[in-house]
PDB file of N, CA and C in Angstrom:
ATOM      1  N   ARG A   1      -2.940  47.277   1.206  1.00  0.00           N
ATOM      2  CA  ARG A   1      -2.428  47.157   2.560  1.00  0.00           C
ATOM      3  C   ARG A   1      -3.487  47.602   3.563  1.00  0.00           C
ATOM      4  N   ARG A   2      -4.249  48.629   3.207  1.00  0.00           N
ATOM      5  CA  ARG A   2      -5.295  49.089   4.117  1.00  0.00           C
ATOM      6  C   ARG A   2      -6.366  48.012   4.276  1.00  0.00           C
ATOM      7  N   GLY A   3      -6.693  47.342   3.180  1.00  0.00           N
ATOM      8  CA  GLY A   3      -7.682  46.281   3.239  1.00  0.00           C
ATOM      9  C   GLY A   3      -7.226  45.103   4.085  1.00  0.00           C
ATOM     10  N   ALA A   4      -5.928  44.862   4.090  1.00  0.00           N
ATOM     11  CA  ALA A   4      -5.371  43.771   4.893  1.00  0.00           C
ATOM     12  C   ALA A   4      -5.222  44.161   6.359  1.00  0.00           C
ATOM     13  N   LYS A   5      -5.441  45.440   6.653  1.00  0.00           N
ATOM     14  CA  LYS A   5      -5.370  45.972   8.022  1.00  0.00           C
ATOM     15  C   LYS A   5      -4.000  45.771   8.662  1.00  0.00           C
ATOM     16  N   VAL A   6      -2.959  45.961   7.860  1.00  0.00           N
ATOM     17  CA  VAL A   6      -1.617  45.886   8.423  1.00  0.00           C
ATOM     18  C   VAL A   6      -1.385  47.132   9.274  1.00  0.00           C
ATOM     19  N   PRO A   7      -0.655  47.004  10.358  1.00  0.00           N
ATOM     20  CA  PRO A   7      -0.482  48.125  11.288  1.00  0.00           C
ATOM     21  C   PRO A   7       0.075  49.398  10.664  1.00  0.00           C
ATOM     22  N   GLU A   8       0.949  49.277   9.683  1.00  0.00           N
ATOM     23  CA  GLU A   8       1.554  50.459   9.086  1.00  0.00           C
ATOM     24  C   GLU A   8       0.504  51.384   8.474  1.00  0.00           C
ATOM     25  N   SER A   9      -0.514  50.814   7.844  1.00  0.00           N
ATOM     26  CA  SER A   9      -1.528  51.644   7.196  1.00  0.00           C
ATOM     27  C   SER A   9      -2.432  52.333   8.210  1.00  0.00           C
ATOM     28  N   VAL A  10      -2.656  51.715   9.346  1.00  0.00           N
ATOM     29  CA  VAL A  10      -3.519  52.302  10.373  1.00  0.00           C
ATOM     30  C   VAL A  10      -2.808  53.438  11.092  1.00  0.00           C
ATOM     31  N   CYS A  11      -1.538  53.242  11.418  1.00  0.00           N
ATOM     32  CA  CYS A  11      -0.822  54.268  12.179  1.00  0.00           C
ATOM     33  C   CYS A  11      -0.511  55.485  11.330  1.00  0.00           C
ATOM     34  N   ALA A  12      -0.533  55.352  10.010  1.00  0.00           N
ATOM     35  CA  ALA A  12      -0.277  56.501   9.145  1.00  0.00           C
ATOM     36  C   ALA A  12      -1.316  57.592   9.382  1.00  0.00           C
ATOM     37  N   GLY A  13      -2.501  57.209   9.781  1.00  0.00           N
ATOM     38  CA  GLY A  13      -3.554  58.174  10.082  1.00  0.00           C
ATOM     39  C   GLY A  13      -3.593  58.566  11.544  1.00  0.00           C
ATOM     40  N   GLY A  14      -2.637  58.080  12.324  1.00  0.00           N
ATOM     41  CA  GLY A  14      -2.591  58.417  13.746  1.00  0.00           C
ATOM     42  C   GLY A  14      -3.635  57.701  14.578  1.00  0.00           C
ATOM     43  N   GLN A  15      -4.193  56.625  14.055  1.00  0.00           N
ATOM     44  CA  GLN A  15      -5.239  55.876  14.757  1.00  0.00           C
ATOM     45  C   GLN A  15      -4.610  54.734  15.547  1.00  0.00           C
ATOM     46  N   TRP A  16      -3.859  55.070  16.564  1.00  0.00           N
ATOM     47  CA  TRP A  16      -3.105  54.066  17.318  1.00  0.00           C
ATOM     48  C   TRP A  16      -4.011  53.041  17.982  1.00  0.00           C
ATOM     49  N   GLY A  17      -5.189  53.433  18.395  1.00  0.00           N
ATOM     50  CA  GLY A  17      -6.112  52.512  19.043  1.00  0.00           C
ATOM     51  C   GLY A  17      -6.692  51.476  18.095  1.00  0.00           C
ATOM     52  N   ALA A  18      -6.536  51.691  16.799  1.00  0.00           N
ATOM     53  CA  ALA A  18      -7.081  50.764  15.803  1.00  0.00           C
ATOM     54  C   ALA A  18      -6.045  49.749  15.315  1.00  0.00           C
ATOM     55  N   VAL A  19      -4.819  49.849  15.802  1.00  0.00           N
ATOM     56  CA  VAL A  19      -3.764  48.929  15.360  1.00  0.00           C
ATOM     57  C   VAL A  19      -4.068  47.521  15.870  1.00  0.00           C
ATOM     58  N   ASP A  20      -4.043  46.558  14.955  1.00  0.00           N
ATOM     59  CA  ASP A  20      -4.256  45.152  15.306  1.00  0.00           C
ATOM     60  C   ASP A  20      -2.883  44.487  15.379  1.00  0.00           C
ATOM     61  N   TYR A  21      -2.375  44.314  16.595  1.00  0.00           N
ATOM     62  CA  TYR A  21      -1.025  43.783  16.772  1.00  0.00           C
ATOM     63  C   TYR A  21      -0.904  42.328  16.337  1.00  0.00           C
ATOM     64  N   ARG A  22      -2.019  41.628  16.184  1.00  0.00           N
ATOM     65  CA  ARG A  22      -1.975  40.253  15.676  1.00  0.00           C
ATOM     66  C   ARG A  22      -1.543  40.230  14.219  1.00  0.00           C
ATOM     67  N   ARG A  23      -1.740  41.333  13.506  1.00  0.00           N
ATOM     68  CA  ARG A  23      -1.423  41.410  12.080  1.00  0.00           C
ATOM     69  C   ARG A  23      -0.013  41.936  11.816  1.00  0.00           C
ATOM     70  N   MET A  24       0.747  42.250  12.867  1.00  0.00           N
ATOM     71  CA  MET A  24       2.057  42.864  12.701  1.00  0.00           C
ATOM     72  C   MET A  24       3.104  41.827  12.299  1.00  0.00           C
ATOM     73  N   SER A  25       3.781  42.100  11.197  1.00  0.00           N
ATOM     74  CA  SER A  25       4.829  41.181  10.741  1.00  0.00           C
ATOM     75  C   SER A  25       6.042  41.272  11.658  1.00  0.00           C
ATOM     76  N   GLY A  26       6.867  40.264  11.599  1.00  0.00           N
ATOM     77  CA  GLY A  26       8.072  40.249  12.418  1.00  0.00           C
ATOM     78  C   GLY A  26       9.007  41.395  12.085  1.00  0.00           C
ATOM     79  N   LEU A  27       9.142  41.689  10.809  1.00  0.00           N
ATOM     80  CA  LEU A  27      10.032  42.765  10.394  1.00  0.00           C
ATOM     81  C   LEU A  27       9.498  44.126  10.837  1.00  0.00           C
ATOM     82  N   CYS A  28       8.202  44.321  10.748  1.00  0.00           N
ATOM     83  CA  CYS A  28       7.596  45.571  11.219  1.00  0.00           C
ATOM     84  C   CYS A  28       7.831  45.734  12.719  1.00  0.00           C
ATOM     85  N   ARG A  29       7.658  44.672  13.472  1.00  0.00           N
ATOM     86  CA  ARG A  29       7.866  44.744  14.922  1.00  0.00           C
ATOM     87  C   ARG A  29       9.329  45.049  15.234  1.00  0.00           C
ATOM     88  N   LYS A  30      10.238  44.450  14.466  1.00  0.00           N
ATOM     89  CA  LYS A  30      11.666  44.695  14.689  1.00  0.00           C
ATOM     90  C   LYS A  30      12.024  46.153  14.423  1.00  0.00           C
ATOM     91  N   VAL A  31      11.523  46.695  13.337  1.00  0.00           N
ATOM     92  CA  VAL A  31      11.891  48.050  12.942  1.00  0.00           C
ATOM     93  C   VAL A  31      11.147  49.115  13.747  1.00  0.00           C
ATOM     94  N   TYR A  32       9.842  48.924  13.952  1.00  0.00           N
ATOM     95  CA  TYR A  32       9.016  49.979  14.538  1.00  0.00           C
ATOM     96  C   TYR A  32       8.408  49.666  15.896  1.00  0.00           C
ATOM     97  N   GLY A  33       8.533  48.429  16.366  1.00  0.00           N
ATOM     98  CA  GLY A  33       7.858  48.038  17.604  1.00  0.00           C
ATOM     99  C   GLY A  33       8.127  48.953  18.779  1.00  0.00           C
ATOM    100  N   GLN A  34       9.380  49.033  19.201  1.00  0.00           N
ATOM    101  CA  GLN A  34       9.744  49.855  20.357  1.00  0.00           C
ATOM    102  C   GLN A  34       9.664  51.339  20.041  1.00  0.00           C
ATOM    103  N   SER A  35      10.203  51.734  18.900  1.00  0.00           N
ATOM    104  CA  SER A  35      10.356  53.154  18.608  1.00  0.00           C
ATOM    105  C   SER A  35       9.059  53.847  18.229  1.00  0.00           C
ATOM    106  N   LEU A  36       8.106  53.137  17.694  1.00  0.00           N
ATOM    107  CA  LEU A  36       6.889  53.781  17.221  1.00  0.00           C
ATOM    108  C   LEU A  36       5.639  53.286  17.945  1.00  0.00           C
ATOM    109  N   TYR A  37       5.369  51.998  17.844  1.00  0.00           N
ATOM    110  CA  TYR A  37       4.126  51.478  18.403  1.00  0.00           C
ATOM    111  C   TYR A  37       4.106  51.556  19.923  1.00  0.00           C
ATOM    112  N   ARG A  38       5.201  51.175  20.554  1.00  0.00           N
ATOM    113  CA  ARG A  38       5.243  51.234  22.019  1.00  0.00           C
ATOM    114  C   ARG A  38       5.227  52.677  22.503  1.00  0.00           C
ATOM    115  N   LYS A  39       5.842  53.557  21.754  1.00  0.00           N
ATOM    116  CA  LYS A  39       5.884  54.972  22.130  1.00  0.00           C
ATOM    117  C   LYS A  39       4.488  55.594  22.104  1.00  0.00           C
ATOM    118  N   HIS A  40       3.699  55.281  21.083  1.00  0.00           N
ATOM    119  CA  HIS A  40       2.394  55.907  20.907  1.00  0.00           C
ATOM    120  C   HIS A  40       1.231  55.108  21.493  1.00  0.00           C
ATOM    121  N   ASP A  41       1.429  53.821  21.728  1.00  0.00           N
ATOM    122  CA  ASP A  41       0.332  52.957  22.183  1.00  0.00           C
ATOM    123  C   ASP A  41       0.862  51.972  23.219  1.00  0.00           C
ATOM    124  N   LYS A  42       1.593  52.477  24.199  1.00  0.00           N
ATOM    125  CA  LYS A  42       2.315  51.648  25.169  1.00  0.00           C
ATOM    126  C   LYS A  42       1.427  50.636  25.878  1.00  0.00           C
ATOM    127  N   GLU A  43       0.299  51.090  26.371  1.00  0.00           N
ATOM    128  CA  GLU A  43      -0.569  50.208  27.160  1.00  0.00           C
ATOM    129  C   GLU A  43      -1.048  49.008  26.345  1.00  0.00           C
ATOM    130  N   ARG A  44      -1.570  49.244  25.154  1.00  0.00           N
ATOM    131  CA  ARG A  44      -2.076  48.151  24.316  1.00  0.00           C
ATOM    132  C   ARG A  44      -0.941  47.279  23.780  1.00  0.00           C
ATOM    133  N   TYR A  45       0.168  47.905  23.396  1.00  0.00           N
ATOM    134  CA  TYR A  45       1.312  47.151  22.868  1.00  0.00           C
ATOM    135  C   TYR A  45       1.863  46.214  23.939  1.00  0.00           C
ATOM    136  N   ASP A  46       2.076  46.746  25.139  1.00  0.00           N
ATOM    137  CA  ASP A  46       2.588  45.917  26.236  1.00  0.00           C
ATOM    138  C   ASP A  46       1.597  44.827  26.630  1.00  0.00           C
ATOM    139  N   ALA A  47       0.304  45.143  26.608  1.00  0.00           N
ATOM    140  CA  ALA A  47      -0.718  44.141  26.940  1.00  0.00           C
ATOM    141  C   ALA A  47      -0.700  43.002  25.919  1.00  0.00           C
ATOM    142  N   TYR A  48      -0.512  43.336  24.644  1.00  0.00           N
ATOM    143  CA  TYR A  48      -0.450  42.289  23.625  1.00  0.00           C
ATOM    144  C   TYR A  48       0.776  41.404  23.832  1.00  0.00           C
ATOM    145  N   LEU A  49       1.922  42.017  24.119  1.00  0.00           N
ATOM    146  CA  LEU A  49       3.132  41.224  24.355  1.00  0.00           C
ATOM    147  C   LEU A  49       2.966  40.330  25.581  1.00  0.00           C
ATOM    148  N   GLN A  50       2.308  40.840  26.614  1.00  0.00           N
ATOM    149  CA  GLN A  50       2.068  40.026  27.813  1.00  0.00           C
ATOM    150  C   GLN A  50       1.157  38.842  27.486  1.00  0.00           C
ATOM    151  N   ALA A  51       0.127  39.083  26.681  1.00  0.00           N
ATOM    152  CA  ALA A  51      -0.762  37.992  26.265  1.00  0.00           C
ATOM    153  C   ALA A  51       0.016  36.951  25.457  1.00  0.00           C
ATOM    154  N   CYS A  52       0.957  37.396  24.640  1.00  0.00           N
ATOM    155  CA  CYS A  52       1.806  36.472  23.868  1.00  0.00           C
ATOM    156  C   CYS A  52       2.687  35.644  24.794  1.00  0.00           C
ATOM    157  N   ARG A  53       3.252  36.292  25.812  1.00  0.00           N
ATOM    158  CA  ARG A  53       4.097  35.566  26.778  1.00  0.00           C
ATOM    159  C   ARG A  53       3.288  34.496  27.501  1.00  0.00           C
ATOM    160  N   GLU A  54       2.084  34.858  27.925  1.00  0.00           N
ATOM    161  CA  GLU A  54       1.234  33.907  28.646  1.00  0.00           C
ATOM    162  C   GLU A  54       0.846  32.742  27.750  1.00  0.00           C
ATOM    163  N   ALA A  55       0.511  33.019  26.500  1.00  0.00           N
ATOM    164  CA  ALA A  55       0.150  31.947  25.565  1.00  0.00           C
ATOM    165  C   ALA A  55       1.348  31.034  25.310  1.00  0.00           C
ATOM    166  N   ALA A  56       2.536  31.620  25.164  1.00  0.00           N
ATOM    167  CA  ALA A  56       3.747  30.818  24.937  1.00  0.00           C
ATOM    168  C   ALA A  56       4.060  29.956  26.152  1.00  0.00           C
ATOM    169  N   ALA A  57       3.865  30.494  27.348  1.00  0.00           N
ATOM    170  CA  ALA A  57       4.137  29.738  28.576  1.00  0.00           C
ATOM    171  C   ALA A  57       3.191  28.546  28.710  1.00  0.00           C
ATOM    172  N   ARG A  58       1.958  28.711  28.227  1.00  0.00           N
ATOM    173  CA  ARG A  58       0.979  27.619  28.262  1.00  0.00           C
ATOM    174  C   ARG A  58       1.182  26.633  27.117  1.00  0.00           C
ATOM    175  N   GLY A  59       1.998  27.011  26.133  1.00  0.00           N
ATOM    176  CA  GLY A  59       2.159  26.167  24.948  1.00  0.00           C
ATOM    177  C   GLY A  59       0.965  26.270  24.024  1.00  0.00           C
ATOM    178  N   ASP A  60       0.259  27.376  24.087  1.00  0.00           N
ATOM    179  CA  ASP A  60      -0.958  27.608  23.316  1.00  0.00           C
ATOM    180  C   ASP A  60      -0.610  28.089  21.906  1.00  0.00           C
ATOM    181  N   ASP A  61      -0.669  27.193  20.931  1.00  0.00           N
ATOM    182  CA  ASP A  61      -0.354  27.552  19.550  1.00  0.00           C
ATOM    183  C   ASP A  61      -1.459  28.366  18.890  1.00  0.00           C
ATOM    184  N   LYS A  62      -2.651  28.356  19.450  1.00  0.00           N
ATOM    185  CA  LYS A  62      -3.783  29.089  18.880  1.00  0.00           C
ATOM    186  C   LYS A  62      -3.894  30.506  19.449  1.00  0.00           C
ATOM    187  N   GLY A  63      -3.193  30.780  20.532  1.00  0.00           N
ATOM    188  CA  GLY A  63      -3.277  32.080  21.184  1.00  0.00           C
ATOM    189  C   GLY A  63      -2.505  33.153  20.432  1.00  0.00           C
ATOM    190  N   PRO A  64      -2.450  34.352  20.994  1.00  0.00           N
ATOM    191  CA  PRO A  64      -1.707  35.435  20.340  1.00  0.00           C
ATOM    192  C   PRO A  64      -0.230  35.083  20.237  1.00  0.00           C
ATOM    193  N   LYS A  65       0.395  35.572  19.180  1.00  0.00           N
ATOM    194  CA  LYS A  65       1.811  35.259  18.984  1.00  0.00           C
ATOM    195  C   LYS A  65       2.508  36.421  18.298  1.00  0.00           C
ATOM    196  N   VAL A  66       3.823  36.380  18.366  1.00  0.00           N
ATOM    197  CA  VAL A  66       4.667  37.361  17.704  1.00  0.00           C
ATOM    198  C   VAL A  66       5.231  36.687  16.464  1.00  0.00           C
ATOM    199  N   HIS A  67       5.017  37.289  15.319  1.00  0.00           N
ATOM    200  CA  HIS A  67       5.485  36.710  14.060  1.00  0.00           C
ATOM    201  C   HIS A  67       6.987  36.940  13.892  1.00  0.00           C
ATOM    202  N   THR A  68       7.632  36.037  13.167  1.00  0.00           N
ATOM    203  CA  THR A  68       9.085  36.129  12.991  1.00  0.00           C
ATOM    204  C   THR A  68       9.509  36.197  11.530  1.00  0.00           C
ATOM    205  N   GLY A  69       8.576  36.231  10.605  1.00  0.00           N
ATOM    206  CA  GLY A  69       8.933  36.276   9.194  1.00  0.00           C
ATOM    207  C   GLY A  69       9.816  37.471   8.859  1.00  0.00           C
ATOM    208  N   GLY A  70      10.897  37.212   8.150  1.00  0.00           N
ATOM    209  CA  GLY A  70      11.800  38.273   7.727  1.00  0.00           C
ATOM    210  C   GLY A  70      12.802  38.710   8.777  1.00  0.00           C
ATOM    211  N   VAL A  71      12.758  38.098   9.958  1.00  0.00           N
ATOM    212  CA  VAL A  71      13.673  38.476  11.037  1.00  0.00           C
ATOM    213  C   VAL A  71      14.709  37.369  11.206  1.00  0.00           C
ATOM    214  N   LEU A  72      15.961  37.747  11.164  1.00  0.00           N
ATOM    215  CA  LEU A  72      17.059  36.794  11.311  1.00  0.00           C
ATOM    216  C   LEU A  72      17.552  36.767  12.755  1.00  0.00           C
ATOM    217  N   PRO A  73      18.196  35.672  13.165  1.00  0.00           N
ATOM    218  CA  PRO A  73      18.638  35.559  14.562  1.00  0.00           C
ATOM    219  C   PRO A  73      19.468  36.742  15.055  1.00  0.00           C
ATOM    220  N   HIS A  74      20.366  37.255  14.223  1.00  0.00           N
ATOM    221  CA  HIS A  74      21.192  38.370  14.694  1.00  0.00           C
ATOM    222  C   HIS A  74      20.382  39.651  14.879  1.00  0.00           C
ATOM    223  N   HIS A  75      19.264  39.786  14.158  1.00  0.00           N
ATOM    224  CA  HIS A  75      18.372  40.929  14.387  1.00  0.00           C
ATOM    225  C   HIS A  75      17.739  40.827  15.775  1.00  0.00           C
ATOM    226  N   ILE A  76      17.326  39.629  16.130  1.00  0.00           N
ATOM    227  CA  ILE A  76      16.657  39.430  17.419  1.00  0.00           C
ATOM    228  C   ILE A  76      17.627  39.643  18.569  1.00  0.00           C
ATOM    229  N   THR A  77      18.842  39.117  18.445  1.00  0.00           N
ATOM    230  CA  THR A  77      19.806  39.305  19.538  1.00  0.00           C
ATOM    231  C   THR A  77      20.195  40.772  19.682  1.00  0.00           C
ATOM    232  N   ALA A  78      20.312  41.493  18.576  1.00  0.00           N
ATOM    233  CA  ALA A  78      20.615  42.932  18.654  1.00  0.00           C
ATOM    234  C   ALA A  78      19.474  43.679  19.333  1.00  0.00           C
ATOM    235  N   ALA A  79      18.235  43.301  19.024  1.00  0.00           N
ATOM    236  CA  ALA A  79      17.080  43.942  19.661  1.00  0.00           C
ATOM    237  C   ALA A  79      17.051  43.636  21.151  1.00  0.00           C
ATOM    238  N   ALA A  80      17.394  42.412  21.517  1.00  0.00           N
ATOM    239  CA  ALA A  80      17.415  42.034  22.935  1.00  0.00           C
ATOM    240  C   ALA A  80      18.451  42.850  23.696  1.00  0.00           C
ATOM    241  N   GLU A  81      19.595  43.088  23.078  1.00  0.00           N
ATOM    242  CA  GLU A  81      20.636  43.884  23.720  1.00  0.00           C
ATOM    243  C   GLU A  81      20.191  45.325  23.951  1.00  0.00           C
ATOM    244  N   LYS A  82      19.261  45.806  23.125  1.00  0.00           N
ATOM    245  CA  LYS A  82      18.737  47.168  23.271  1.00  0.00           C
ATOM    246  C   LYS A  82      17.532  47.218  24.208  1.00  0.00           C
ATOM    247  N   GLY A  83      17.126  46.060  24.739  1.00  0.00           N
ATOM    248  CA  GLY A  83      16.004  46.019  25.669  1.00  0.00           C
ATOM    249  C   GLY A  83      14.641  45.923  25.015  1.00  0.00           C
ATOM    250  N   ASP A  84      14.581  45.454  23.778  1.00  0.00           N
ATOM    251  CA  ASP A  84      13.308  45.310  23.074  1.00  0.00           C
ATOM    252  C   ASP A  84      12.441  44.276  23.780  1.00  0.00           C
ATOM    253  N   ALA A  85      11.237  44.680  24.152  1.00  0.00           N
ATOM    254  CA  ALA A  85      10.331  43.828  24.917  1.00  0.00           C
ATOM    255  C   ALA A  85       9.867  42.598  24.136  1.00  0.00           C
ATOM    256  N   ALA A  86       9.875  42.660  22.823  1.00  0.00           N
ATOM    257  CA  ALA A  86       9.381  41.543  22.012  1.00  0.00           C
ATOM    258  C   ALA A  86      10.480  40.575  21.597  1.00  0.00           C
ATOM    259  N   ALA A  87      11.729  40.893  21.869  1.00  0.00           N
ATOM    260  CA  ALA A  87      12.842  40.076  21.375  1.00  0.00           C
ATOM    261  C   ALA A  87      12.782  38.640  21.883  1.00  0.00           C
ATOM    262  N   ASP A  88      12.485  38.448  23.157  1.00  0.00           N
ATOM    263  CA  ASP A  88      12.433  37.082  23.688  1.00  0.00           C
ATOM    264  C   ASP A  88      11.316  36.282  23.040  1.00  0.00           C
ATOM    265  N   LEU A  89      10.192  36.930  22.783  1.00  0.00           N
ATOM    266  CA  LEU A  89       9.077  36.244  22.126  1.00  0.00           C
ATOM    267  C   LEU A  89       9.441  35.875  20.688  1.00  0.00           C
ATOM    268  N   GLN A  90      10.091  36.790  19.993  1.00  0.00           N
ATOM    269  CA  GLN A  90      10.496  36.501  18.624  1.00  0.00           C
ATOM    270  C   GLN A  90      11.516  35.363  18.593  1.00  0.00           C
ATOM    271  N   TRP A  91      12.412  35.347  19.560  1.00  0.00           N
ATOM    272  CA  TRP A  91      13.429  34.283  19.600  1.00  0.00           C
ATOM    273  C   TRP A  91      12.770  32.917  19.782  1.00  0.00           C
ATOM    274  N   HIS A  92      11.868  32.813  20.749  1.00  0.00           N
ATOM    275  CA  HIS A  92      11.202  31.528  21.007  1.00  0.00           C
ATOM    276  C   HIS A  92      10.346  31.105  19.816  1.00  0.00           C
ATOM    277  N   ALA A  93       9.690  32.062  19.168  1.00  0.00           N
ATOM    278  CA  ALA A  93       8.884  31.734  17.992  1.00  0.00           C
ATOM    279  C   ALA A  93       9.772  31.260  16.845  1.00  0.00           C
ATOM    280  N   LEU A  94      10.926  31.880  16.691  1.00  0.00           N
ATOM    281  CA  LEU A  94      11.862  31.466  15.648  1.00  0.00           C
ATOM    282  C   LEU A  94      12.367  30.049  15.900  1.00  0.00           C
ATOM    283  N   VAL A  95      12.706  29.745  17.138  1.00  0.00           N
ATOM    284  CA  VAL A  95      13.169  28.396  17.488  1.00  0.00           C
ATOM    285  C   VAL A  95      12.074  27.371  17.204  1.00  0.00           C
ATOM    286  N   ARG A  96      10.825  27.681  17.581  1.00  0.00           N
ATOM    287  CA  ARG A  96       9.705  26.762  17.305  1.00  0.00           C
ATOM    288  C   ARG A  96       9.531  26.548  15.807  1.00  0.00           C
ATOM    289  N   ARG A  97       9.625  27.638  15.036  1.00  0.00           N
ATOM    290  CA  ARG A  97       9.443  27.536  13.588  1.00  0.00           C
ATOM    291  C   ARG A  97      10.534  26.679  12.955  1.00  0.00           C
ATOM    292  N   VAL A  98      11.766  26.838  13.388  1.00  0.00           N
ATOM    293  CA  VAL A  98      12.875  26.053  12.842  1.00  0.00           C
ATOM    294  C   VAL A  98      12.726  24.581  13.223  1.00  0.00           C
ATOM    295  N   ALA A  99      12.250  24.320  14.431  1.00  0.00           N
ATOM    296  CA  ALA A  99      12.085  22.942  14.897  1.00  0.00           C
ATOM    297  C   ALA A  99      11.018  22.191  14.106  1.00  0.00           C
ATOM    298  N   GLU A 100      10.073  22.921  13.543  1.00  0.00           N
ATOM    299  CA  GLU A 100       9.007  22.272  12.761  1.00  0.00           C
ATOM    300  C   GLU A 100       9.579  21.834  11.467  1.00  0.00           C
TER     301      GLU A 100
END
């Protein structure tokens, strides 16, 4: 996992600035996004989500994105009700994935 540079392995050492949000799985973002990553690395986490929103608005499939693997629709709607900043991005990504 450390070799794959998944966010969980980086944050275990408290190296929040080294977290690569492009590598974050949908399930990791659902479980730890708001409560852990945003709490400890708010500026970078929010900047990544904003970059994802801008790429989605442009229809840029090559730009930054929020992954949805392992996340079910009811998980996303529950996160949205709690004010999760990534929920709308995950929802749109899920809809795009299903449409393909």
